[in-house]
Amino acid sequence: MTFIRMAILIISIVEAGWFLLEGVRALTTGNYYTPKAGKYKGQLGPWAKVVGAVGINPQSAFMRSTFLIIGIVWFFFIICFALQVTWAWLGMLIMPIITLWYLPIGTLLSLMQIIILLYQANRDK
């Protein structure tokens, strides 16, 4: 496996894993992971303002389920990408695009994955 493919997999596993964990926690406990101390204690991240701005309640069952579904679908594409299924590349590009709203760390990881995937595609031509 090339370094580029490994980097794509590691970044996507971290992000997809977080979405999956966040979704499971939010659905089972009713709460997302939030800081336990400091200025932002108990507050959701900036992503909550983004989804709220488009009319989605960040605490809704819909949003909690969205985290879970994104995590599951992304892991499906990760497995297919690792197995070198040809169409999996597109799924690995779509998932970070649809999660750019997850500010701040998710946006950074998504941008990294998009850039590396496009670099890989351009390099493989």
N, C-alpha and C. Protein backbone atom coordinates (compact mmCIF):
# COMPACT_ATOMS: atom_id res chain seq x y z
N MET A 1 0.84 -1.17 0.00
CA MET A 1 0.00 0.00 0.00
C MET A 1 0.90 1.25 0.00
N THR A 2 0.56 2.20 -0.84
CA THR A 2 1.38 3.41 -0.94
C THR A 2 1.17 4.31 0.28
N PHE A 3 2.13 5.20 0.48
CA PHE A 3 2.03 6.17 1.57
C PHE A 3 0.80 7.04 1.42
N ILE A 4 0.49 7.42 0.18
CA ILE A 4 -0.67 8.28 -0.07
C ILE A 4 -1.96 7.57 0.33
N ARG A 5 -2.12 6.33 -0.10
CA ARG A 5 -3.33 5.57 0.27
C ARG A 5 -3.43 5.39 1.78
N MET A 6 -2.29 5.14 2.41
CA MET A 6 -2.27 4.97 3.87
C MET A 6 -2.68 6.27 4.56
N ALA A 7 -2.19 7.40 4.06
CA ALA A 7 -2.55 8.70 4.65
C ALA A 7 -4.05 8.95 4.50
N ILE A 8 -4.59 8.65 3.34
CA ILE A 8 -6.03 8.81 3.11
C ILE A 8 -6.81 7.95 4.09
N LEU A 9 -6.39 6.71 4.24
CA LEU A 9 -7.09 5.80 5.14
C LEU A 9 -7.02 6.27 6.59
N ILE A 10 -5.86 6.69 7.03
CA ILE A 10 -5.71 7.12 8.42
C ILE A 10 -6.57 8.35 8.71
N ILE A 11 -6.51 9.34 7.83
CA ILE A 11 -7.31 10.54 8.03
C ILE A 11 -8.80 10.20 8.05
N SER A 12 -9.23 9.39 7.10
CA SER A 12 -10.66 9.07 7.03
C SER A 12 -11.12 8.19 8.19
N ILE A 13 -10.27 7.29 8.66
CA ILE A 13 -10.63 6.46 9.82
C ILE A 13 -10.80 7.33 11.06
N VAL A 14 -9.92 8.29 11.23
CA VAL A 14 -10.03 9.19 12.39
C VAL A 14 -11.35 9.97 12.33
N GLU A 15 -11.62 10.55 11.17
CA GLU A 15 -12.83 11.37 11.06
C GLU A 15 -14.11 10.53 11.10
N ALA A 16 -14.13 9.45 10.34
CA ALA A 16 -15.31 8.59 10.34
C ALA A 16 -15.54 7.97 11.72
N GLY A 17 -14.45 7.61 12.37
CA GLY A 17 -14.56 7.05 13.72
C GLY A 17 -15.16 8.04 14.69
N TRP A 18 -14.75 9.30 14.56
CA TRP A 18 -15.30 10.33 15.45
C TRP A 18 -16.79 10.52 15.18
N PHE A 19 -17.18 10.57 13.90
CA PHE A 19 -18.60 10.70 13.57
C PHE A 19 -19.39 9.53 14.15
N LEU A 20 -18.88 8.34 14.01
CA LEU A 20 -19.56 7.16 14.53
C LEU A 20 -19.68 7.22 16.05
N LEU A 21 -18.59 7.52 16.73
CA LEU A 21 -18.63 7.62 18.19
C LEU A 21 -19.56 8.72 18.66
N GLU A 22 -19.48 9.88 18.01
CA GLU A 22 -20.32 11.01 18.38
C GLU A 22 -21.80 10.67 18.18
N GLY A 23 -22.11 10.00 17.08
CA GLY A 23 -23.49 9.61 16.81
C GLY A 23 -24.02 8.60 17.81
N VAL A 24 -23.22 7.58 18.10
CA VAL A 24 -23.63 6.56 19.08
C VAL A 24 -23.85 7.20 20.45
N ARG A 25 -22.90 8.03 20.87
CA ARG A 25 -23.02 8.68 22.18
C ARG A 25 -24.25 9.58 22.24
N ALA A 26 -24.42 10.40 21.20
CA ALA A 26 -25.54 11.34 21.19
C ALA A 26 -26.89 10.60 21.20
N LEU A 27 -26.97 9.50 20.49
CA LEU A 27 -28.23 8.75 20.45
C LEU A 27 -28.48 7.96 21.73
N THR A 28 -27.43 7.46 22.36
CA THR A 28 -27.63 6.63 23.55
C THR A 28 -27.71 7.43 24.85
N THR A 29 -26.99 8.55 24.92
CA THR A 29 -26.99 9.33 26.16
C THR A 29 -27.77 10.63 26.05
N GLY A 30 -28.03 11.06 24.82
CA GLY A 30 -28.70 12.34 24.62
C GLY A 30 -27.74 13.51 24.58
N ASN A 31 -26.44 13.23 24.70
CA ASN A 31 -25.44 14.30 24.70
C ASN A 31 -24.28 13.96 23.78
N TYR A 32 -23.76 15.00 23.13
CA TYR A 32 -22.54 14.87 22.36
C TYR A 32 -21.35 14.98 23.31
N TYR A 33 -20.17 14.67 22.80
CA TYR A 33 -18.96 14.94 23.57
C TYR A 33 -18.77 16.46 23.60
N THR A 34 -18.55 17.00 24.77
CA THR A 34 -18.30 18.44 24.93
C THR A 34 -17.17 18.61 25.94
N PRO A 35 -16.53 19.78 25.92
CA PRO A 35 -15.47 20.02 26.91
C PRO A 35 -16.02 19.90 28.33
N LYS A 36 -15.25 19.31 29.21
CA LYS A 36 -15.68 19.12 30.60
C LYS A 36 -15.24 20.26 31.51
N ALA A 37 -14.37 21.11 31.00
CA ALA A 37 -13.87 22.23 31.81
C ALA A 37 -13.51 23.38 30.89
N GLY A 38 -13.29 24.52 31.49
CA GLY A 38 -12.83 25.68 30.74
C GLY A 38 -13.95 26.54 30.21
N LYS A 39 -13.56 27.47 29.38
CA LYS A 39 -14.47 28.47 28.84
C LYS A 39 -15.63 27.85 28.05
N TYR A 40 -15.39 26.75 27.38
CA TYR A 40 -16.41 26.12 26.53
C TYR A 40 -17.06 24.89 27.17
N LYS A 41 -16.96 24.78 28.47
CA LYS A 41 -17.52 23.63 29.20
C LYS A 41 -18.98 23.40 28.80
N GLY A 42 -19.25 22.16 28.36
CA GLY A 42 -20.61 21.75 28.04
C GLY A 42 -21.16 22.30 26.73
N GLN A 43 -20.37 23.04 25.97
CA GLN A 43 -20.85 23.64 24.72
C GLN A 43 -20.48 22.80 23.51
N LEU A 44 -21.36 22.79 22.53
CA LEU A 44 -21.07 22.15 21.26
C LEU A 44 -20.08 23.01 20.48
N GLY A 45 -19.42 22.42 19.53
CA GLY A 45 -18.45 23.15 18.73
C GLY A 45 -19.12 24.09 17.73
N PRO A 46 -18.30 24.81 16.97
CA PRO A 46 -18.82 25.75 15.98
C PRO A 46 -19.72 25.11 14.93
N TRP A 47 -19.59 23.81 14.74
CA TRP A 47 -20.44 23.11 13.78
C TRP A 47 -21.92 23.28 14.11
N ALA A 48 -22.23 23.39 15.40
CA ALA A 48 -23.63 23.51 15.82
C ALA A 48 -24.25 24.80 15.29
N LYS A 49 -23.46 25.85 15.20
CA LYS A 49 -23.95 27.12 14.64
C LYS A 49 -24.18 26.99 13.14
N VAL A 50 -23.32 26.23 12.48
CA VAL A 50 -23.47 26.03 11.03
C VAL A 50 -24.76 25.29 10.73
N VAL A 51 -24.99 24.17 11.40
CA VAL A 51 -26.23 23.41 11.12
C VAL A 51 -27.46 24.17 11.62
N GLY A 52 -27.30 24.90 12.71
CA GLY A 52 -28.40 25.72 13.21
C GLY A 52 -28.78 26.82 12.22
N ALA A 53 -27.79 27.37 11.54
CA ALA A 53 -28.04 28.44 10.56
C ALA A 53 -28.86 27.98 9.37
N VAL A 54 -28.81 26.68 9.08
CA VAL A 54 -29.62 26.16 7.97
C VAL A 54 -30.92 25.53 8.47
N GLY A 55 -31.23 25.76 9.75
CA GLY A 55 -32.51 25.33 10.29
C GLY A 55 -32.55 23.95 10.92
N ILE A 56 -31.39 23.36 11.17
CA ILE A 56 -31.34 22.04 11.79
C ILE A 56 -30.96 22.21 13.25
N ASN A 57 -31.75 21.66 14.13
CA ASN A 57 -31.44 21.70 15.56
C ASN A 57 -30.30 20.72 15.83
N PRO A 58 -29.15 21.22 16.31
CA PRO A 58 -28.01 20.32 16.55
C PRO A 58 -28.31 19.22 17.57
N GLN A 59 -29.27 19.45 18.44
CA GLN A 59 -29.62 18.46 19.46
C GLN A 59 -30.75 17.51 19.03
N SER A 60 -31.22 17.67 17.79
CA SER A 60 -32.34 16.84 17.32
C SER A 60 -31.90 15.40 17.06
N ALA A 61 -32.89 14.52 17.09
CA ALA A 61 -32.62 13.11 16.76
C ALA A 61 -32.13 12.99 15.33
N PHE A 62 -32.62 13.86 14.46
CA PHE A 62 -32.16 13.86 13.07
C PHE A 62 -30.65 14.10 13.00
N MET A 63 -30.17 15.11 13.71
CA MET A 63 -28.74 15.44 13.65
C MET A 63 -27.91 14.35 14.31
N ARG A 64 -28.39 13.81 15.41
CA ARG A 64 -27.67 12.73 16.08
C ARG A 64 -27.56 11.51 15.17
N SER A 65 -28.66 11.21 14.49
CA SER A 65 -28.67 10.08 13.55
C SER A 65 -27.77 10.35 12.36
N THR A 66 -27.70 11.61 11.94
CA THR A 66 -26.84 11.98 10.83
C THR A 66 -25.39 11.65 11.13
N PHE A 67 -24.94 11.94 12.35
CA PHE A 67 -23.58 11.59 12.75
C PHE A 67 -23.35 10.09 12.60
N LEU A 68 -24.28 9.31 13.11
CA LEU A 68 -24.14 7.86 13.07
C LEU A 68 -24.11 7.35 11.63
N ILE A 69 -25.03 7.82 10.81
CA ILE A 69 -25.12 7.37 9.42
C ILE A 69 -23.87 7.75 8.64
N ILE A 70 -23.39 8.98 8.83
CA ILE A 70 -22.16 9.40 8.15
C ILE A 70 -21.00 8.47 8.54
N GLY A 71 -20.88 8.18 9.82
CA GLY A 71 -19.81 7.29 10.28
C GLY A 71 -19.90 5.91 9.66
N ILE A 72 -21.08 5.35 9.61
CA ILE A 72 -21.26 4.00 9.05
C ILE A 72 -20.96 3.99 7.55
N VAL A 73 -21.54 4.94 6.82
CA VAL A 73 -21.33 4.99 5.36
C VAL A 73 -19.86 5.22 5.05
N TRP A 74 -19.23 6.11 5.81
CA TRP A 74 -17.82 6.39 5.56
C TRP A 74 -16.96 5.15 5.79
N PHE A 75 -17.26 4.39 6.85
CA PHE A 75 -16.50 3.16 7.08
C PHE A 75 -16.71 2.15 5.95
N PHE A 76 -17.90 2.12 5.39
CA PHE A 76 -18.15 1.26 4.23
C PHE A 76 -17.19 1.63 3.09
N PHE A 77 -17.10 2.93 2.80
CA PHE A 77 -16.19 3.38 1.74
C PHE A 77 -14.73 3.14 2.10
N ILE A 78 -14.39 3.29 3.37
CA ILE A 78 -13.01 3.04 3.81
C ILE A 78 -12.62 1.59 3.53
N ILE A 79 -13.50 0.67 3.88
CA ILE A 79 -13.23 -0.75 3.64
C ILE A 79 -13.09 -1.02 2.14
N CYS A 80 -14.00 -0.47 1.36
CA CYS A 80 -13.93 -0.68 -0.09
C CYS A 80 -12.66 -0.06 -0.68
N PHE A 81 -12.28 1.12 -0.19
CA PHE A 81 -11.06 1.79 -0.66
C PHE A 81 -9.83 0.95 -0.29
N ALA A 82 -9.81 0.44 0.92
CA ALA A 82 -8.68 -0.40 1.36
C ALA A 82 -8.58 -1.67 0.51
N LEU A 83 -9.72 -2.17 0.07
CA LEU A 83 -9.74 -3.35 -0.79
C LEU A 83 -9.53 -3.00 -2.26
N GLN A 84 -9.31 -1.74 -2.53
CA GLN A 84 -9.05 -1.21 -3.87
C GLN A 84 -10.19 -1.42 -4.86
N VAL A 85 -11.41 -1.30 -4.34
CA VAL A 85 -12.59 -1.32 -5.21
C VAL A 85 -12.57 0.00 -5.99
N THR A 86 -12.69 -0.08 -7.31
CA THR A 86 -12.45 1.10 -8.15
C THR A 86 -13.37 2.28 -7.84
N TRP A 87 -14.64 2.06 -7.58
CA TRP A 87 -15.57 3.17 -7.35
C TRP A 87 -15.47 3.74 -5.93
N ALA A 88 -14.73 3.12 -5.06
CA ALA A 88 -14.62 3.58 -3.67
C ALA A 88 -13.93 4.94 -3.58
N TRP A 89 -13.07 5.25 -4.54
CA TRP A 89 -12.38 6.55 -4.54
C TRP A 89 -13.40 7.68 -4.53
N LEU A 90 -14.46 7.54 -5.33
CA LEU A 90 -15.48 8.58 -5.40
C LEU A 90 -16.20 8.73 -4.05
N GLY A 91 -16.51 7.64 -3.41
CA GLY A 91 -17.12 7.71 -2.08
C GLY A 91 -16.20 8.35 -1.06
N MET A 92 -14.92 8.07 -1.19
CA MET A 92 -13.94 8.66 -0.28
C MET A 92 -13.77 10.15 -0.54
N LEU A 93 -14.15 10.62 -1.71
CA LEU A 93 -14.14 12.05 -2.00
C LEU A 93 -15.44 12.71 -1.56
N ILE A 94 -16.55 12.03 -1.75
CA ILE A 94 -17.85 12.59 -1.39
C ILE A 94 -17.98 12.77 0.12
N MET A 95 -17.53 11.80 0.90
CA MET A 95 -17.73 11.88 2.35
C MET A 95 -17.08 13.12 2.98
N PRO A 96 -15.82 13.44 2.69
CA PRO A 96 -15.27 14.65 3.29
C PRO A 96 -15.92 15.93 2.76
N ILE A 97 -16.41 15.89 1.52
CA ILE A 97 -17.10 17.07 0.99
C ILE A 97 -18.37 17.34 1.79
N ILE A 98 -19.12 16.27 2.09
CA ILE A 98 -20.38 16.49 2.82
C ILE A 98 -20.17 16.73 4.32
N THR A 99 -18.94 16.62 4.78
CA THR A 99 -18.68 16.88 6.21
C THR A 99 -17.82 18.12 6.43
N LEU A 100 -17.68 18.95 5.43
CA LEU A 100 -16.91 20.19 5.59
C LEU A 100 -17.52 21.10 6.66
N TRP A 101 -18.78 20.95 6.97
CA TRP A 101 -19.47 21.77 7.97
C TRP A 101 -19.01 21.48 9.40
N TYR A 102 -18.31 20.37 9.60
CA TYR A 102 -17.96 19.96 10.96
C TYR A 102 -16.71 20.71 11.45
N LEU A 103 -16.93 21.98 11.75
CA LEU A 103 -15.86 22.88 12.21
C LEU A 103 -15.40 22.54 13.61
N PRO A 104 -14.17 22.77 13.96
CA PRO A 104 -13.06 23.17 13.11
C PRO A 104 -12.23 21.97 12.63
N ILE A 105 -12.05 20.99 13.49
CA ILE A 105 -11.13 19.87 13.17
C ILE A 105 -11.64 19.04 12.00
N GLY A 106 -12.94 18.77 11.97
CA GLY A 106 -13.50 17.98 10.87
C GLY A 106 -13.29 18.65 9.53
N THR A 107 -13.40 19.96 9.49
CA THR A 107 -13.18 20.70 8.25
C THR A 107 -11.73 20.54 7.80
N LEU A 108 -10.82 20.68 8.73
CA LEU A 108 -9.40 20.54 8.41
C LEU A 108 -9.09 19.14 7.89
N LEU A 109 -9.57 18.11 8.59
CA LEU A 109 -9.32 16.73 8.16
C LEU A 109 -9.96 16.45 6.80
N SER A 110 -11.17 16.98 6.60
CA SER A 110 -11.85 16.79 5.32
C SER A 110 -11.08 17.44 4.19
N LEU A 111 -10.62 18.66 4.41
CA LEU A 111 -9.83 19.35 3.38
C LEU A 111 -8.55 18.59 3.06
N MET A 112 -7.90 18.08 4.09
CA MET A 112 -6.69 17.29 3.88
C MET A 112 -6.99 16.07 3.02
N GLN A 113 -8.07 15.38 3.34
CA GLN A 113 -8.41 14.17 2.59
C GLN A 113 -8.76 14.51 1.14
N ILE A 114 -9.51 15.57 0.93
CA ILE A 114 -9.87 15.97 -0.43
C ILE A 114 -8.62 16.29 -1.25
N ILE A 115 -7.73 17.07 -0.66
CA ILE A 115 -6.50 17.46 -1.36
C ILE A 115 -5.66 16.23 -1.70
N ILE A 116 -5.49 15.33 -0.76
CA ILE A 116 -4.68 14.13 -1.01
C ILE A 116 -5.32 13.23 -2.05
N LEU A 117 -6.65 13.07 -1.99
CA LEU A 117 -7.34 12.25 -2.98
C LEU A 117 -7.20 12.84 -4.39
N LEU A 118 -7.34 14.15 -4.50
CA LEU A 118 -7.20 14.79 -5.81
C LEU A 118 -5.75 14.70 -6.30
N TYR A 119 -4.81 14.85 -5.38
CA TYR A 119 -3.40 14.70 -5.75
C TYR A 119 -3.15 13.28 -6.27
N GLN A 120 -3.69 12.30 -5.56
CA GLN A 120 -3.50 10.90 -5.96
C GLN A 120 -4.09 10.66 -7.34
N ALA A 121 -5.29 11.18 -7.58
CA ALA A 121 -5.94 10.97 -8.87
C ALA A 121 -5.16 11.63 -10.00
N ASN A 122 -4.64 12.80 -9.73
CA ASN A 122 -3.86 13.53 -10.72
C ASN A 122 -2.53 12.83 -10.99
N ARG A 123 -1.94 12.29 -9.95
CA ARG A 123 -0.66 11.58 -10.06
C ARG A 123 -0.81 10.27 -10.82
N ASP A 124 -1.94 9.61 -10.65
CA ASP A 124 -2.16 8.30 -11.27
C ASP A 124 -2.57 8.38 -12.74
N LYS A 125 -2.76 9.60 -13.25
CA LYS A 125 -3.17 9.74 -14.66
C LYS A 125 -2.08 9.33 -15.60
